[in-house]
Every structure is written in C-alpha cells, then in structure tokens.
Protein backbone atom coordinates (compact mmCIF):
# COMPACT_ATOMS: atom_id res chain seq x y z
CA UNK A 1 85.14 40.70 102.44
CA UNK A 2 86.39 40.05 105.99
CA UNK A 3 88.34 36.82 106.62
CA UNK A 4 87.24 34.51 109.46
CA UNK A 5 89.29 34.70 112.64
CA UNK A 6 89.95 31.95 115.19
CA UNK A 7 90.92 31.98 118.83
CA UNK A 8 92.74 29.16 120.68
CA UNK A 9 90.85 27.72 123.66
CA UNK A 10 93.31 26.18 126.12
CA UNK A 11 90.60 24.32 127.94
CA UNK A 12 89.39 22.43 124.94
CA UNK A 13 92.73 22.55 123.21
CA UNK A 14 91.00 23.62 120.02
CA UNK A 15 90.65 26.71 117.85
CA UNK A 16 87.26 28.31 118.05
CA UNK A 17 85.87 30.67 115.44
CA UNK A 18 85.58 34.25 116.72
CA UNK A 19 82.34 35.94 115.92
CA UNK A 20 82.87 39.62 114.78
CA UNK A 21 79.94 41.89 115.47
CA UNK A 22 78.84 44.71 113.20
CA UNK A 23 79.89 47.28 115.84
CA UNK A 24 83.44 45.98 115.94
CA UNK A 25 83.59 45.98 112.20
CA UNK A 26 82.43 49.61 112.05
CA UNK A 27 84.97 50.62 114.72
CA UNK A 28 87.73 48.97 112.78
CA UNK A 29 86.72 50.66 109.58
CA UNK A 30 86.54 54.01 111.42
CA UNK A 31 90.00 53.47 112.89
CA UNK A 32 91.49 52.87 109.45
CA UNK A 33 89.75 55.91 108.02
CA UNK A 34 90.86 58.15 110.91
CA UNK A 35 94.44 56.91 110.63
CA UNK A 36 94.38 57.67 106.92
CA UNK A 37 93.02 61.16 107.51
CA UNK A 38 95.72 61.89 110.12
CA UNK A 39 98.45 60.81 107.73
CA UNK A 40 96.84 62.80 104.91
CA UNK A 41 96.71 65.95 107.07
CA UNK A 42 100.34 65.50 108.11
CA UNK A 43 101.38 65.09 104.49
CA UNK A 44 99.43 68.21 103.41
CA UNK A 45 100.87 70.29 106.25
CA UNK A 46 104.39 69.14 105.45
CA UNK A 47 103.85 69.92 101.78
CA UNK A 48 102.63 73.46 102.47
CA UNK A 49 105.41 74.05 104.98
CA UNK A 50 108.37 72.83 102.99
CA UNK A 51 107.19 72.61 99.40
CA UNK A 52 105.82 75.67 97.55
CA UNK A 53 102.68 75.18 95.58
CA UNK A 54 102.49 76.43 91.97
CA UNK A 55 100.30 79.31 93.13
CA UNK A 56 102.80 80.27 95.84
CA UNK A 57 105.65 80.12 93.36
CA UNK A 58 103.70 82.40 91.03
CA UNK A 59 103.01 84.87 93.86
CA UNK A 60 106.67 84.83 94.90
CA UNK A 61 107.71 85.66 91.34
CA UNK A 62 105.17 88.47 91.29
CA UNK A 63 106.47 89.84 94.62
CA UNK A 64 110.04 89.72 93.37
CA UNK A 65 109.00 91.56 90.23
CA UNK A 66 107.11 94.15 92.27
CA UNK A 67 110.13 94.68 94.55
CA UNK A 68 112.32 95.16 91.48
CA UNK A 69 109.85 97.66 90.03
CA UNK A 70 109.80 99.57 93.33
CA UNK A 71 113.58 99.74 93.28
CA UNK A 72 113.54 101.01 89.68
CA UNK A 73 110.85 103.53 90.65
CA UNK A 74 112.93 104.78 93.58
CA UNK A 75 115.93 105.15 91.29
CA UNK A 76 113.85 107.24 88.87
CA UNK A 77 112.49 109.24 91.79
CA UNK A 78 116.07 110.05 92.80
CA UNK A 79 116.76 111.29 89.28
CA UNK A 80 113.59 113.40 89.27
CA UNK A 81 114.44 114.84 92.68
CA UNK A 82 117.86 115.84 91.36
CA UNK A 83 116.33 117.55 88.32
CA UNK A 84 113.77 119.33 90.48
CA UNK A 85 116.47 120.49 92.91
CA UNK A 86 118.39 121.99 89.97
CA UNK A 87 115.23 123.75 88.76
CA UNK A 88 114.61 125.10 92.27
CA UNK A 89 118.15 126.50 92.45
CA UNK A 90 117.74 128.16 89.05
CA UNK A 91 114.43 129.57 90.17
CA UNK A 92 115.85 131.01 93.42
CA UNK A 93 119.25 132.22 92.25
CA UNK A 94 118.71 133.10 88.58
CA UNK A 95 115.09 133.80 87.68
CA UNK A 96 114.12 135.43 90.98
CA UNK A 97 117.47 137.21 91.18
CA UNK A 98 116.78 138.81 87.79
CA UNK A 99 113.50 140.19 89.06
CA UNK A 100 114.92 141.00 92.53
CA UNK A 101 112.44 138.68 94.22
CA UNK A 102 113.15 136.80 97.44
CA UNK A 103 113.91 133.06 97.07
CA UNK A 104 111.25 130.65 98.30
CA UNK A 105 112.22 129.60 101.87
CA UNK A 106 113.62 126.08 102.10
CA UNK A 107 111.21 125.16 104.91
CA UNK A 108 108.31 125.76 102.49
CA UNK A 109 109.88 123.87 99.60
CA UNK A 110 110.80 120.85 101.77
CA UNK A 111 107.71 120.80 104.00
CA UNK A 112 106.12 117.42 104.55
CA UNK A 113 102.56 116.31 105.22
CA UNK A 114 101.20 116.68 108.75
CA UNK A 115 98.10 115.40 110.49
CA UNK A 116 96.88 111.79 110.50
CA UNK A 117 99.02 108.89 109.37
CA UNK A 118 98.48 108.82 105.62
CA UNK A 119 100.11 105.44 105.18
CA UNK A 120 98.53 103.26 107.91
CA UNK A 121 96.79 101.08 105.31
CA UNK A 122 100.22 100.08 103.95
CA UNK A 123 101.51 98.58 107.22
CA UNK A 124 101.53 94.86 107.95
CA UNK A 125 102.99 93.51 104.69
CA UNK A 126 106.36 92.00 103.84
CA UNK A 127 107.32 95.02 101.71
CA UNK A 128 105.56 97.67 103.81
CA UNK A 129 108.74 99.65 104.47
CA UNK A 130 109.61 99.88 100.77
CA UNK A 131 106.03 100.73 99.80
CA UNK A 132 105.65 103.42 102.47
CA UNK A 133 109.02 105.03 101.68
CA UNK A 134 108.15 105.19 97.97
CA UNK A 135 104.73 106.67 98.74
CA UNK A 136 106.30 109.33 100.96
CA UNK A 137 108.80 110.30 98.28
CA UNK A 138 106.04 110.52 95.68
CA UNK A 139 103.92 112.72 97.93
CA UNK A 140 106.88 114.98 98.73
CA UNK A 141 107.85 115.27 95.07
CA UNK A 142 104.26 116.03 94.11
CA UNK A 143 104.07 118.85 96.66
CA UNK A 144 107.42 120.31 95.58
CA UNK A 145 106.29 120.24 91.94
CA UNK A 146 103.13 122.11 92.91
CA UNK A 147 105.12 124.77 94.78
CA UNK A 148 107.53 125.08 91.84
CA UNK A 149 104.62 125.44 89.43
CA UNK A 150 103.16 128.27 91.53
CA UNK A 151 106.61 129.88 91.66
CA UNK A 152 106.88 129.84 87.87
CA UNK A 153 103.43 131.44 87.68
CA UNK A 154 104.76 134.21 89.93
CA UNK A 155 107.96 134.56 87.86
CA UNK A 156 105.82 134.77 84.70
CA UNK A 157 103.82 137.61 86.21
CA UNK A 158 107.06 139.35 87.21
CA UNK A 159 108.35 138.89 83.65
CA UNK A 160 105.27 140.63 82.29
CA UNK A 161 106.07 143.53 84.61
CA UNK A 162 109.76 143.49 83.66
CA UNK A 163 109.52 146.39 81.21
CA UNK A 164 107.73 148.53 83.77
CA UNK A 165 110.25 147.56 86.46
CA UNK A 166 113.26 148.32 84.23
CA UNK A 167 111.84 151.76 83.47
CA UNK A 168 111.36 152.41 87.18
CA UNK A 169 114.70 151.28 88.61
CA UNK A 170 117.15 154.24 88.93
CA UNK A 171 119.52 153.75 85.98
CA UNK A 172 120.99 157.13 84.93
CA UNK A 173 122.99 159.92 86.51
CA UNK A 174 120.84 162.69 88.00
CA UNK A 175 123.06 165.28 86.27
CA UNK A 176 124.15 165.03 82.66
CA UNK A 177 127.85 164.49 81.95
CA UNK A 178 128.02 167.70 79.91
CA UNK A 179 126.83 169.74 82.89
CA UNK A 180 128.90 167.90 85.47
CA UNK A 181 131.94 169.62 86.95
CA UNK A 182 133.08 166.51 88.82
CA UNK A 183 132.03 163.78 91.22
CA UNK A 184 132.99 165.38 94.51
CA UNK A 185 132.39 162.47 96.85
CA UNK A 186 131.11 158.91 96.81
CA UNK A 187 129.35 156.49 99.10
CA UNK A 188 130.96 155.49 102.41
CA UNK A 189 132.96 157.06 105.22
CA UNK A 190 133.95 160.64 104.34
CA UNK A 191 135.16 163.79 106.11
CA UNK A 192 132.28 166.18 106.74
CA UNK A 193 133.08 169.60 105.19
CA UNK A 194 131.68 171.58 108.12
CA UNK A 195 132.18 169.38 111.18
CA UNK A 196 135.57 168.03 109.92
CA UNK A 197 134.86 164.57 111.33
CA UNK A 198 134.58 161.22 109.56
CA UNK A 199 130.94 160.38 109.00
CA UNK A 200 129.03 157.98 106.87
CA UNK A 201 128.11 159.53 103.53
CA UNK A 202 124.97 157.75 102.26
CA UNK A 203 124.97 159.06 98.71
CA UNK A 204 127.06 160.71 95.98
CA UNK A 205 127.85 164.40 95.50
CA UNK A 206 127.83 165.85 91.97
CA UNK A 207 129.28 169.37 91.71
CA UNK A 208 127.69 171.62 89.10
CA UNK A 209 126.71 175.24 88.64
CA UNK A 210 123.64 176.54 90.43
CA UNK A 211 120.65 176.14 88.15
CA UNK A 212 121.95 172.99 86.43
CA UNK A 213 119.15 170.59 85.47
CA UNK A 214 118.49 167.63 87.78
CA UNK A 215 116.85 164.57 86.20
CA UNK A 216 114.66 161.82 87.64
CA UNK A 217 116.71 158.65 87.38
CA UNK A 218 113.71 156.36 86.88
CA UNK A 219 109.94 156.41 86.49
CA UNK A 220 108.10 157.02 89.72
CA UNK A 221 105.97 159.25 91.90
CA UNK A 222 107.15 162.31 93.84
CA UNK A 223 106.42 161.61 97.50
CA UNK A 224 108.32 164.48 99.15
CA UNK A 225 109.02 168.09 98.11
CA UNK A 226 110.67 169.77 101.10
CA UNK A 227 111.99 173.30 101.58
CA UNK A 228 114.55 173.57 104.37
CA UNK A 229 117.61 175.50 105.44
CA UNK A 230 119.10 172.54 107.32
CA UNK A 231 120.37 169.09 106.53
CA UNK A 232 119.39 168.13 103.01
CA UNK A 233 118.11 171.64 102.35
CA UNK A 234 115.54 171.80 99.57
CA UNK A 235 115.07 168.22 98.46
CA UNK A 236 112.83 165.84 96.53
CA UNK A 237 112.12 162.14 97.14
CA UNK A 238 110.78 159.90 94.36
CA UNK A 239 109.21 156.49 94.99
CA UNK A 240 109.96 154.24 92.01
CA UNK A 241 108.15 151.17 93.33
CA UNK A 242 109.75 147.72 93.66
CA UNK A 243 111.31 148.91 96.93
CA UNK A 244 113.30 151.77 95.34
CA UNK A 245 113.41 155.43 96.37
CA UNK A 246 115.78 158.21 95.31
CA UNK A 247 116.60 161.48 97.10
CA UNK A 248 117.85 164.71 95.46
CA UNK A 249 119.18 167.22 98.02
CA UNK A 250 120.46 170.84 98.29
CA UNK A 251 118.32 171.92 95.32
CA UNK A 252 117.86 175.53 94.31
CA UNK A 253 114.40 175.25 92.78
CA UNK A 254 111.77 172.57 92.23
CA UNK A 255 110.02 171.74 88.98
CA UNK A 256 107.70 169.06 90.44
CA UNK A 257 105.05 168.86 93.11
CA UNK A 258 104.17 166.17 95.63
CA UNK A 259 102.08 163.37 94.12
CA UNK A 260 103.26 164.07 90.58
CA UNK A 261 104.28 161.14 88.39
CA UNK A 262 107.59 161.54 86.56
CA UNK A 263 109.48 159.71 83.84
CA UNK A 264 113.16 158.84 83.71
CA UNK A 265 115.12 161.78 82.32
CA UNK A 266 112.45 164.35 83.25
CA UNK A 267 113.73 167.53 84.90
CA UNK A 268 112.59 167.68 88.53
CA UNK A 269 114.57 170.74 89.72
CA UNK A 270 117.88 172.56 89.66
CA UNK A 271 121.22 172.35 91.46
CA UNK A 272 121.57 174.62 94.47
CA UNK A 273 123.52 175.16 97.70
CA UNK A 274 120.80 174.90 100.34
CA UNK A 275 120.91 173.22 103.74
CA UNK A 276 124.18 171.91 105.19
CA UNK A 277 126.26 172.31 102.04
CA UNK A 278 129.83 173.49 101.37
CA UNK A 279 129.18 174.55 97.78
CA UNK A 280 126.83 174.15 94.80
CA UNK A 281 126.21 170.47 94.25
CA UNK A 282 123.60 167.72 94.21
CA UNK A 283 123.59 165.10 96.93
CA UNK A 284 121.95 161.97 95.47
CA UNK A 285 120.85 158.82 97.34
CA UNK A 286 119.35 155.47 96.32
CA UNK A 287 117.31 153.54 98.90
CA UNK A 288 116.30 149.88 98.40
CA UNK A 289 113.85 148.37 100.89
CA UNK A 290 114.60 151.10 103.46
CA UNK A 291 118.37 150.51 103.15
CA UNK A 292 120.64 153.11 101.57
CA UNK A 293 122.88 151.60 98.89
CA UNK A 294 125.70 152.84 96.70
CA UNK A 295 124.28 154.84 93.74
CA UNK A 296 127.35 154.12 91.64
CA UNK A 297 125.85 150.72 90.78
CA UNK A 298 122.96 152.33 88.93
CA UNK A 299 124.53 154.36 86.11
CA UNK A 300 124.67 151.60 83.51
CA UNK A 301 122.40 153.49 81.08
CA UNK A 302 124.66 156.55 80.96
CA UNK A 303 128.28 155.52 81.04
CA UNK A 304 130.65 153.56 78.85
CA UNK A 305 132.70 150.83 80.58
CA UNK A 306 135.70 153.19 80.72
CA UNK A 307 133.64 156.04 82.16
CA UNK A 308 132.04 153.67 84.66
CA UNK A 309 135.42 152.44 85.91
CA UNK A 310 136.60 156.03 86.27
CA UNK A 311 133.42 156.91 88.17
CA UNK A 312 133.99 154.04 90.62
CA UNK A 313 137.61 155.05 91.15
CA UNK A 314 136.72 158.69 91.86
CA UNK A 315 133.73 157.92 94.07
CA UNK A 316 135.74 155.41 96.13
CA UNK A 317 138.40 157.94 97.13
CA UNK A 318 138.37 158.82 100.84
CA UNK A 319 137.96 162.52 100.28
CA UNK A 320 135.80 165.21 101.80
CA UNK A 321 132.11 165.30 101.03
CA UNK A 322 130.18 168.46 100.23
CA UNK A 323 127.51 167.84 102.89
C-alpha cells in the first residue's frame, strides 16, 4: 500500500497532500521492475562469464577426458606404426627376397589420400587439430594395412609356387664332376684365347672330352637350338621362367629340340669344340632378367662346402678363357 506524500507550499506556508495518479504509480512500478531486470541480467552475465555452471564443469571434464583419450590413442598409433614398419621391412627384405620378388615401392606404401578435404567437418572446434591429426594417422595406417594384406596374399601365392620355382632355378653344374677335367675359366675379365686381349667373359668354361654329357641345370623350356661355326658355335638356350635363362655353348651334338620341356639333370647335348673355341669345353652362362650373372653362385645342389670354395678360387683366377 502506497504511503501518502506531502509537498510544502511556500505561499501558504503549509504542507499540501500530493495526489498520485494511477499513471504515475504504474510508471514507478515499471521503473522498479526494469531496474530489477537490468540488475538480474548483469548478474546472470557475470555468472556465466566468470563462474562455470555445473553443466559447463561437466563438459570441461568430458573434454579433458577426451583429450587424454586422444593422446593415449596417438601413443598406441605410434606403437602400431612401429610394428607395421617392422612387418613391412620383413616383407620387403626377407619374405620377398626369398622369392626374388621386388620390394613394394615406398611411395605406394606411404601414399596418402588425395582429392577433396576429407576432414572439413572436423574444423572449427577447440580440439580440431588433435582430432584431424588422429584421423589422418588412422586413415594412413588403415591404407598401409590394406597394402600389407595384399602383399601377404601375393607372398602366399609365391610360396605355393616355391617348389616349382626351386626346381626351375639353375642349381647344378652342367657337367658332372666325374666327367669334368677342370674349370678352365670363370666369370669376369679374361684373356681371349684367340684374340689375346682382355675381354669380359660372361660365363664359365668347363673342359671335358668331346661327347661328354651336358645336363640342364633346372626345369625349363628349350627356346633356342642353334647350329653355327662362329661365336658360341652349336648352342642351346633354356628358359627356366622367373627371369632365368641358361646358355650351353660350343656343343658337339644336341639331344633336344626347340620348344621341348626339360627337367633338371636331363641330358640336352654333348661337349664339343664348335664356334670360337680353343679346345673341347662347355661355355655355360646364367642370365637373370636380361643380365648375365656369375654361374658359380648356382652350384649349391652339387658341391660340398669345400668343393664350392675350391670352385670359387679356381673360377676367380685371372687366366685365359677357352672362348
């Protein structure tokens, strides 16, 4: 209930009662209400600015927990990346080396994701950088695991073909030890017997009597049977697959024909002295992926360790070749 108010009248020297209209009363009430609302708003704003609400505190705790979990996840990702890198190295330098397969190029293993921005929906948050970096690492790890899985599928298929490959790789001497007079010359720079100049000798020379058996050194298919009075003379070339070919030169007679399949240890012809040759012998070459390599590395099925060492010593001597 409003109290009565009085106003001093200097003319009459008395206090006169002031009449308060309904409008003034409503304005006064409105002023008090508005002032209260302003103070209430200021208090609420101050509270939200400087004092965390229970809900905000709960969300902050959740964010801190999420950040911690992301850090733990990144630590585990680092461990997984290390394990995967070790598996990749084993795959490239052990498993694939066994099967003579090329390692997977690093640019394929480490390739990222191209095209549109895959992570644009993750921008604009307090922890966007951490979230995006974790997502990228997960995507990269997932892709590398897929590539590694496909690689192991390939290695598994190569393993199934291992027996066939081992039977095909040249692994014996082309002339038996009992028929062998000596190893006349090995792989490398040698003095040519006719031209008397140092030339590269791309195979090994085995001296033996004319008519001595010559054996296929691995399973394969005869791709060349050539009669000639020059160079290699009468010679045979066998394709063993897996990038391997062998050549048998200066033969006297053939026992195979072009297109014929042969097994390791099968007689393919006989020692002769045809072509550019200084005496009866077999010139033998091993070719891997179009590159001629030292045949001495492929006699592990025939020789004991002592015999193998002696073979290397003899073949390495800088002597004169027979062709």
